[in-house]
Structures are given as structure tokens and as C-alpha cells.
């Protein structure tokens, strides 16, 4: 082969390799985001427990007021 053909082939090979590496990196990033943002059963359970706790805390002041009023009477 002529040296110009070899150089041209090497340039094309390097360019294609960079494209493939960029596509692979993009795929890895997208997969990591999907894995990170996926709702696991543990995260779902902890979230529901936090919601229940928040509802109890929100109801507690009204219960305290009722107890204080009944204690005054």
C-alpha cells in the first residue's frame, strides 16, 4: 500500500474510534442516570414512612391544643 492510503486509513480509524468512544461514554452516562433515578423498593418504603411521619407530626399540634383546652376545663 502507498503511504498516503495508510495515513488516510489511520485518520479514518482514529476518527471512528473517537466517535465510538464518545457514543459509549454517552451511553454509560445515560445508564448511570437511569440507575440512579430509578425508584428502588427501599427508597419507596422509606419515602412512604417519611410521609406517614410527616402526617403524624402535622396532626400532633391539633391534638396538643385539644389536650391543653381539656386540661384547662
PDB file of N, CA and C in Angstrom:
ATOM      1  N   UNK A   1       0.831  -1.189   0.000  1.00  0.00           N
ATOM      2  CA  UNK A   1       0.000   0.000   0.000  1.00  0.00           C
ATOM      3  C   UNK A   1       0.868   1.242   0.000  1.00  0.00           C
ATOM      4  N   UNK A   2       0.327   2.281  -0.559  1.00  0.00           N
ATOM      5  CA  UNK A   2       1.024   3.552  -0.544  1.00  0.00           C
ATOM      6  C   UNK A   2       0.889   4.188   0.833  1.00  0.00           C
ATOM      7  N   UNK A   3       1.843   5.018   1.163  1.00  0.00           N
ATOM      8  CA  UNK A   3       1.826   5.642   2.492  1.00  0.00           C
ATOM      9  C   UNK A   3       0.632   6.583   2.653  1.00  0.00           C
ATOM     10  N   UNK A   4       0.194   7.208   1.567  1.00  0.00           N
ATOM     11  CA  UNK A   4      -0.958   8.105   1.679  1.00  0.00           C
ATOM     12  C   UNK A   4      -2.222   7.321   2.026  1.00  0.00           C
ATOM     13  N   UNK A   5      -2.387   6.130   1.445  1.00  0.00           N
ATOM     14  CA  UNK A   5      -3.541   5.297   1.774  1.00  0.00           C
ATOM     15  C   UNK A   5      -3.489   4.838   3.227  1.00  0.00           C
ATOM     16  N   UNK A   6      -2.301   4.507   3.697  1.00  0.00           N
ATOM     17  CA  UNK A   6      -2.140   4.074   5.082  1.00  0.00           C
ATOM     18  C   UNK A   6      -2.466   5.216   6.031  1.00  0.00           C
ATOM     19  N   UNK A   7      -1.980   6.401   5.717  1.00  0.00           N
ATOM     20  CA  UNK A   7      -2.267   7.564   6.559  1.00  0.00           C
ATOM     21  C   UNK A   7      -3.758   7.884   6.559  1.00  0.00           C
ATOM     22  N   UNK A   8      -4.356   7.829   5.382  1.00  0.00           N
ATOM     23  CA  UNK A   8      -5.788   8.114   5.270  1.00  0.00           C
ATOM     24  C   UNK A   8      -6.598   7.095   6.072  1.00  0.00           C
ATOM     25  N   UNK A   9      -6.217   5.828   5.951  1.00  0.00           N
ATOM     26  CA  UNK A   9      -6.907   4.777   6.694  1.00  0.00           C
ATOM     27  C   UNK A   9      -6.747   4.996   8.204  1.00  0.00           C
ATOM     28  N   UNK A  10      -5.561   5.367   8.637  1.00  0.00           N
ATOM     29  CA  UNK A  10      -5.321   5.598  10.066  1.00  0.00           C
ATOM     30  C   UNK A  10      -6.123   6.798  10.568  1.00  0.00           C
ATOM     31  N   UNK A  11      -6.224   7.837   9.765  1.00  0.00           N
ATOM     32  CA  UNK A  11      -7.014   9.014  10.144  1.00  0.00           C
ATOM     33  C   UNK A  11      -8.486   8.631  10.285  1.00  0.00           C
ATOM     34  N   UNK A  12      -9.007   7.873   9.326  1.00  0.00           N
ATOM     35  CA  UNK A  12     -10.400   7.422   9.404  1.00  0.00           C
ATOM     36  C   UNK A  12     -10.625   6.520  10.619  1.00  0.00           C
ATOM     37  N   UNK A  13      -9.667   5.633  10.857  1.00  0.00           N
ATOM     38  CA  UNK A  13      -9.779   4.730  12.002  1.00  0.00           C
ATOM     39  C   UNK A  13      -9.800   5.512  13.314  1.00  0.00           C
ATOM     40  N   UNK A  14      -8.922   6.488  13.459  1.00  0.00           N
ATOM     41  CA  UNK A  14      -8.871   7.299  14.684  1.00  0.00           C
ATOM     42  C   UNK A  14     -10.157   8.100  14.879  1.00  0.00           C
ATOM     43  N   UNK A  15     -10.679   8.662  13.786  1.00  0.00           N
ATOM     44  CA  UNK A  15     -11.915   9.438  13.879  1.00  0.00           C
ATOM     45  C   UNK A  15     -13.082   8.539  14.290  1.00  0.00           C
ATOM     46  N   UNK A  16     -13.167   7.363  13.680  1.00  0.00           N
ATOM     47  CA  UNK A  16     -14.247   6.432  14.021  1.00  0.00           C
ATOM     48  C   UNK A  16     -14.119   5.953  15.466  1.00  0.00           C
ATOM     49  N   UNK A  17     -12.886   5.727  15.921  1.00  0.00           N
ATOM     50  CA  UNK A  17     -12.662   5.290  17.297  1.00  0.00           C
ATOM     51  C   UNK A  17     -13.120   6.360  18.285  1.00  0.00           C
ATOM     52  N   UNK A  18     -12.830   7.628  17.975  1.00  0.00           N
ATOM     53  CA  UNK A  18     -13.280   8.721  18.844  1.00  0.00           C
ATOM     54  C   UNK A  18     -14.804   8.789  18.883  1.00  0.00           C
ATOM     55  N   UNK A  19     -15.452   8.603  17.725  1.00  0.00           N
ATOM     56  CA  UNK A  19     -16.917   8.606  17.683  1.00  0.00           C
ATOM     57  C   UNK A  19     -17.496   7.474  18.528  1.00  0.00           C
ATOM     58  N   UNK A  20     -16.914   6.290  18.410  1.00  0.00           N
ATOM     59  CA  UNK A  20     -17.404   5.148  19.184  1.00  0.00           C
ATOM     60  C   UNK A  20     -17.195   5.357  20.683  1.00  0.00           C
ATOM     61  N   UNK A  21     -16.054   5.921  21.063  1.00  0.00           N
ATOM     62  CA  UNK A  21     -15.791   6.178  22.477  1.00  0.00           C
ATOM     63  C   UNK A  21     -16.746   7.230  23.031  1.00  0.00           C
ATOM     64  N   UNK A  22     -17.053   8.252  22.231  1.00  0.00           N
ATOM     65  CA  UNK A  22     -17.996   9.280  22.676  1.00  0.00           C
ATOM     66  C   UNK A  22     -19.399   8.688  22.834  1.00  0.00           C
ATOM     67  N   UNK A  23     -19.802   7.837  21.899  1.00  0.00           N
ATOM     68  CA  UNK A  23     -21.119   7.199  21.998  1.00  0.00           C
ATOM     69  C   UNK A  23     -21.183   6.271  23.208  1.00  0.00           C
ATOM     70  N   UNK A  24     -20.106   5.543  23.466  1.00  0.00           N
ATOM     71  CA  UNK A  24     -20.080   4.647  24.628  1.00  0.00           C
ATOM     72  C   UNK A  24     -20.138   5.444  25.928  1.00  0.00           C
ATOM     73  N   UNK A  25     -19.419   6.552  25.994  1.00  0.00           N
ATOM     74  CA  UNK A  25     -19.446   7.394  27.194  1.00  0.00           C
ATOM     75  C   UNK A  25     -20.843   7.970  27.414  1.00  0.00           C
ATOM     76  N   UNK A  26     -21.484   8.413  26.342  1.00  0.00           N
ATOM     77  CA  UNK A  26     -22.847   8.931  26.436  1.00  0.00           C
ATOM     78  C   UNK A  26     -23.798   7.842  26.937  1.00  0.00           C
ATOM     79  N   UNK A  27     -23.644   6.639  26.421  1.00  0.00           N
ATOM     80  CA  UNK A  27     -24.488   5.522  26.853  1.00  0.00           C
ATOM     81  C   UNK A  27     -24.267   5.216  28.336  1.00  0.00           C
ATOM     82  N   UNK A  28     -23.007   5.234  28.783  1.00  0.00           N
ATOM     83  CA  UNK A  28     -22.711   4.975  30.196  1.00  0.00           C
ATOM     84  C   UNK A  28     -23.330   6.039  31.089  1.00  0.00           C
ATOM     85  N   UNK A  29     -23.257   7.298  30.671  1.00  0.00           N
ATOM     86  CA  UNK A  29     -23.846   8.373  31.465  1.00  0.00           C
ATOM     87  C   UNK A  29     -25.362   8.234  31.555  1.00  0.00           C
ATOM     88  N   UNK A  30     -26.007   7.948  30.432  1.00  0.00           N
ATOM     89  CA  UNK A  30     -27.461   7.772  30.436  1.00  0.00           C
ATOM     90  C   UNK A  30     -27.872   6.587  31.302  1.00  0.00           C
ATOM     91  N   UNK A  31     -27.125   5.501  31.229  1.00  0.00           N
ATOM     92  CA  UNK A  31     -27.439   4.323  32.036  1.00  0.00           C
ATOM     93  C   UNK A  31     -27.255   4.625  33.516  1.00  0.00           C
ATOM     94  N   UNK A  32     -26.219   5.381  33.868  1.00  0.00           N
ATOM     95  CA  UNK A  32     -25.993   5.738  35.267  1.00  0.00           C
ATOM     96  C   UNK A  32     -27.125   6.617  35.782  1.00  0.00           C
ATOM     97  N   UNK A  33     -27.607   7.534  34.956  1.00  0.00           N
ATOM     98  CA  UNK A  33     -28.728   8.380  35.368  1.00  0.00           C
ATOM     99  C   UNK A  33     -29.994   7.561  35.569  1.00  0.00           C
ATOM    100  N   UNK A  34     -30.250   6.619  34.672  1.00  0.00           N
ATOM    101  CA  UNK A  34     -31.433   5.771  34.810  1.00  0.00           C
ATOM    102  C   UNK A  34     -31.341   4.941  36.083  1.00  0.00           C
ATOM    103  N   UNK A  35     -30.158   4.391  36.353  1.00  0.00           N
ATOM    104  CA  UNK A  35     -29.980   3.572  37.555  1.00  0.00           C
ATOM    105  C   UNK A  35     -30.112   4.415  38.808  1.00  0.00           C
ATOM    106  N   UNK A  36     -29.584   5.622  38.770  1.00  0.00           N
ATOM    107  CA  UNK A  36     -29.618   6.489  39.947  1.00  0.00           C
ATOM    108  C   UNK A  36     -31.034   6.978  40.236  1.00  0.00           C
ATOM    109  N   UNK A  37     -31.777   7.295  39.200  1.00  0.00           N
ATOM    110  CA  UNK A  37     -33.110   7.863  39.382  1.00  0.00           C
ATOM    111  C   UNK A  37     -34.202   6.809  39.500  1.00  0.00           C
ATOM    112  N   UNK A  38     -33.854   5.565  39.318  1.00  0.00           N
ATOM    113  CA  UNK A  38     -34.857   4.516  39.452  1.00  0.00           C
ATOM    114  C   UNK A  38     -35.305   4.398  40.905  1.00  0.00           C
ATOM    115  N   UNK A  39     -36.582   4.136  41.094  1.00  0.00           N
ATOM    116  CA  UNK A  39     -37.117   4.021  42.447  1.00  0.00           C
ATOM    117  C   UNK A  39     -36.944   2.578  42.899  1.00  0.00           C
ATOM    118  N   UNK A  40     -36.077   2.389  43.844  1.00  0.00           N
ATOM    119  CA  UNK A  40     -35.876   1.059  44.399  1.00  0.00           C
ATOM    120  C   UNK A  40     -36.931   0.815  45.468  1.00  0.00           C
ATOM    121  N   UNK A  41     -37.220  -0.442  45.772  1.00  0.00           N
ATOM    122  CA  UNK A  41     -38.218  -0.726  46.823  1.00  0.00           C
ATOM    123  C   UNK A  41     -37.851  -0.094  48.167  1.00  0.00           C
ATOM    124  N   UNK A  42     -36.561  -0.073  48.489  1.00  0.00           N
ATOM    125  CA  UNK A  42     -36.146   0.530  49.753  1.00  0.00           C
ATOM    126  C   UNK A  42     -36.436   2.024  49.773  1.00  0.00           C
ATOM    127  N   UNK A  43     -36.094   2.727  48.679  1.00  0.00           N
ATOM    128  CA  UNK A  43     -36.375   4.167  48.613  1.00  0.00           C
ATOM    129  C   UNK A  43     -37.870   4.425  48.680  1.00  0.00           C
ATOM    130  N   UNK A  44     -38.656   3.571  48.038  1.00  0.00           N
ATOM    131  CA  UNK A  44     -40.105   3.742  48.047  1.00  0.00           C
ATOM    132  C   UNK A  44     -40.651   3.540  49.463  1.00  0.00           C
ATOM    133  N   UNK A  45     -40.147   2.538  50.179  1.00  0.00           N
ATOM    134  CA  UNK A  45     -40.617   2.266  51.541  1.00  0.00           C
ATOM    135  C   UNK A  45     -40.219   3.392  52.488  1.00  0.00           C
ATOM    136  N   UNK A  46     -38.975   3.842  52.381  1.00  0.00           N
ATOM    137  CA  UNK A  46     -38.524   4.941  53.246  1.00  0.00           C
ATOM    138  C   UNK A  46     -39.329   6.199  52.955  1.00  0.00           C
ATOM    139  N   UNK A  47     -39.611   6.458  51.690  1.00  0.00           N
ATOM    140  CA  UNK A  47     -40.415   7.623  51.331  1.00  0.00           C
ATOM    141  C   UNK A  47     -41.814   7.557  51.916  1.00  0.00           C
ATOM    142  N   UNK A  48     -42.433   6.389  51.849  1.00  0.00           N
ATOM    143  CA  UNK A  48     -43.785   6.275  52.412  1.00  0.00           C
ATOM    144  C   UNK A  48     -43.757   6.402  53.929  1.00  0.00           C
ATOM    145  N   UNK A  49     -42.703   5.892  54.581  1.00  0.00           N
ATOM    146  CA  UNK A  49     -42.579   6.059  56.032  1.00  0.00           C
ATOM    147  C   UNK A  49     -42.405   7.530  56.406  1.00  0.00           C
ATOM    148  N   UNK A  50     -41.636   8.261  55.616  1.00  0.00           N
ATOM    149  CA  UNK A  50     -41.456   9.693  55.884  1.00  0.00           C
ATOM    150  C   UNK A  50     -42.759  10.463  55.700  1.00  0.00           C
ATOM    151  N   UNK A  51     -43.547  10.080  54.712  1.00  0.00           N
ATOM    152  CA  UNK A  51     -44.839  10.735  54.504  1.00  0.00           C
ATOM    153  C   UNK A  51     -45.759  10.467  55.687  1.00  0.00           C
ATOM    154  N   UNK A  52     -45.793   9.218  56.165  1.00  0.00           N
ATOM    155  CA  UNK A  52     -46.617   8.894  57.334  1.00  0.00           C
ATOM    156  C   UNK A  52     -46.162   9.682  58.558  1.00  0.00           C
ATOM    157  N   UNK A  53     -44.859   9.775  58.758  1.00  0.00           N
ATOM    158  CA  UNK A  53     -44.328  10.529  59.890  1.00  0.00           C
ATOM    159  C   UNK A  53     -44.696  12.003  59.778  1.00  0.00           C
ATOM    160  N   UNK A  54     -44.610  12.559  58.586  1.00  0.00           N
ATOM    161  CA  UNK A  54     -44.998  13.954  58.381  1.00  0.00           C
ATOM    162  C   UNK A  54     -46.464  14.190  58.675  1.00  0.00           C
ATOM    163  N   UNK A  55     -47.312  13.252  58.284  1.00  0.00           N
ATOM    164  CA  UNK A  55     -48.742  13.388  58.579  1.00  0.00           C
ATOM    165  C   UNK A  55     -49.002  13.334  60.079  1.00  0.00           C
ATOM    166  N   UNK A  56     -48.290  12.458  60.786  1.00  0.00           N
ATOM    167  CA  UNK A  56     -48.451  12.379  62.241  1.00  0.00           C
ATOM    168  C   UNK A  56     -47.998  13.673  62.910  1.00  0.00           C
ATOM    169  N   UNK A  57     -46.882  14.216  62.457  1.00  0.00           N
ATOM    170  CA  UNK A  57     -46.376  15.469  63.028  1.00  0.00           C
ATOM    171  C   UNK A  57     -47.336  16.607  62.730  1.00  0.00           C
ATOM    172  N   UNK A  58     -47.937  16.603  61.548  1.00  0.00           N
ATOM    173  CA  UNK A  58     -48.889  17.658  61.194  1.00  0.00           C
ATOM    174  C   UNK A  58     -50.151  17.571  62.042  1.00  0.00           C
ATOM    175  N   UNK A  59     -50.561  16.384  62.439  1.00  0.00           N
ATOM    176  CA  UNK A  59     -51.761  16.217  63.256  1.00  0.00           C
ATOM    177  C   UNK A  59     -51.483  16.463  64.736  1.00  0.00           C
ATOM    178  N   UNK A  60     -50.263  16.297  65.153  1.00  0.00           N
ATOM    179  CA  UNK A  60     -49.929  16.383  66.570  1.00  0.00           C
ATOM    180  C   UNK A  60     -50.217  17.748  67.196  1.00  0.00           C
ATOM    181  N   UNK A  61     -49.908  18.883  66.569  1.00  0.00           N
ATOM    182  CA  UNK A  61     -50.230  20.164  67.205  1.00  0.00           C
ATOM    183  C   UNK A  61     -51.716  20.324  67.493  1.00  0.00           C
ATOM    184  N   UNK A  62     -52.582  19.876  66.616  1.00  0.00           N
ATOM    185  CA  UNK A  62     -54.022  19.998  66.882  1.00  0.00           C
ATOM    186  C   UNK A  62     -54.424  19.114  68.058  1.00  0.00           C
ATOM    187  N   UNK A  63     -53.802  17.977  68.211  1.00  0.00           N
ATOM    188  CA  UNK A  63     -54.078  17.121  69.365  1.00  0.00           C
ATOM    189  C   UNK A  63     -53.578  17.779  70.645  1.00  0.00           C
ATOM    190  N   UNK A  64     -52.410  18.425  70.595  1.00  0.00           N
ATOM    191  CA  UNK A  64     -51.876  19.115  71.769  1.00  0.00           C
ATOM    192  C   UNK A  64     -52.796  20.248  72.197  1.00  0.00           C
ATOM    193  N   UNK A  65     -53.356  20.975  71.239  1.00  0.00           N
ATOM    194  CA  UNK A  65     -54.264  22.083  71.563  1.00  0.00           C
ATOM    195  C   UNK A  65     -55.516  21.531  72.238  1.00  0.00           C
ATOM    196  N   UNK A  66     -56.060  20.424  71.727  1.00  0.00           N
ATOM    197  CA  UNK A  66     -57.244  19.819  72.343  1.00  0.00           C
ATOM    198  C   UNK A  66     -56.945  19.363  73.771  1.00  0.00           C
ATOM    199  N   UNK A  67     -55.764  18.808  73.994  1.00  0.00           N
ATOM    200  CA  UNK A  67     -55.389  18.378  75.341  1.00  0.00           C
ATOM    201  C   UNK A  67     -55.243  19.573  76.277  1.00  0.00           C
ATOM    202  N   UNK A  68     -54.666  20.664  75.793  1.00  0.00           N
ATOM    203  CA  UNK A  68     -54.491  21.857  76.620  1.00  0.00           C
ATOM    204  C   UNK A  68     -55.837  22.469  76.972  1.00  0.00           C
ATOM    205  N   UNK A  69     -56.760  22.493  76.024  1.00  0.00           N
ATOM    206  CA  UNK A  69     -58.092  23.053  76.289  1.00  0.00           C
ATOM    207  C   UNK A  69     -58.834  22.173  77.287  1.00  0.00           C
ATOM    208  N   UNK A  70     -58.757  20.859  77.118  1.00  0.00           N
ATOM    209  CA  UNK A  70     -59.462  19.973  78.048  1.00  0.00           C
ATOM    210  C   UNK A  70     -58.827  20.016  79.436  1.00  0.00           C
ATOM    211  N   UNK A  71     -57.528  20.269  79.532  1.00  0.00           N
ATOM    212  CA  UNK A  71     -56.869  20.361  80.836  1.00  0.00           C
ATOM    213  C   UNK A  71     -57.286  21.626  81.564  1.00  0.00           C
ATOM    214  N   UNK A  72     -57.582  22.711  80.859  1.00  0.00           N
ATOM    215  CA  UNK A  72     -57.999  23.968  81.483  1.00  0.00           C
ATOM    216  C   UNK A  72     -59.409  23.858  82.040  1.00  0.00           C
ATOM    217  N   UNK A  73     -60.225  23.040  81.424  1.00  0.00           N
ATOM    218  CA  UNK A  73     -61.625  22.947  81.850  1.00  0.00           C
ATOM    219  C   UNK A  73     -61.688  22.115  83.052  1.00  0.00           C
TER     220      UNK A  73
END
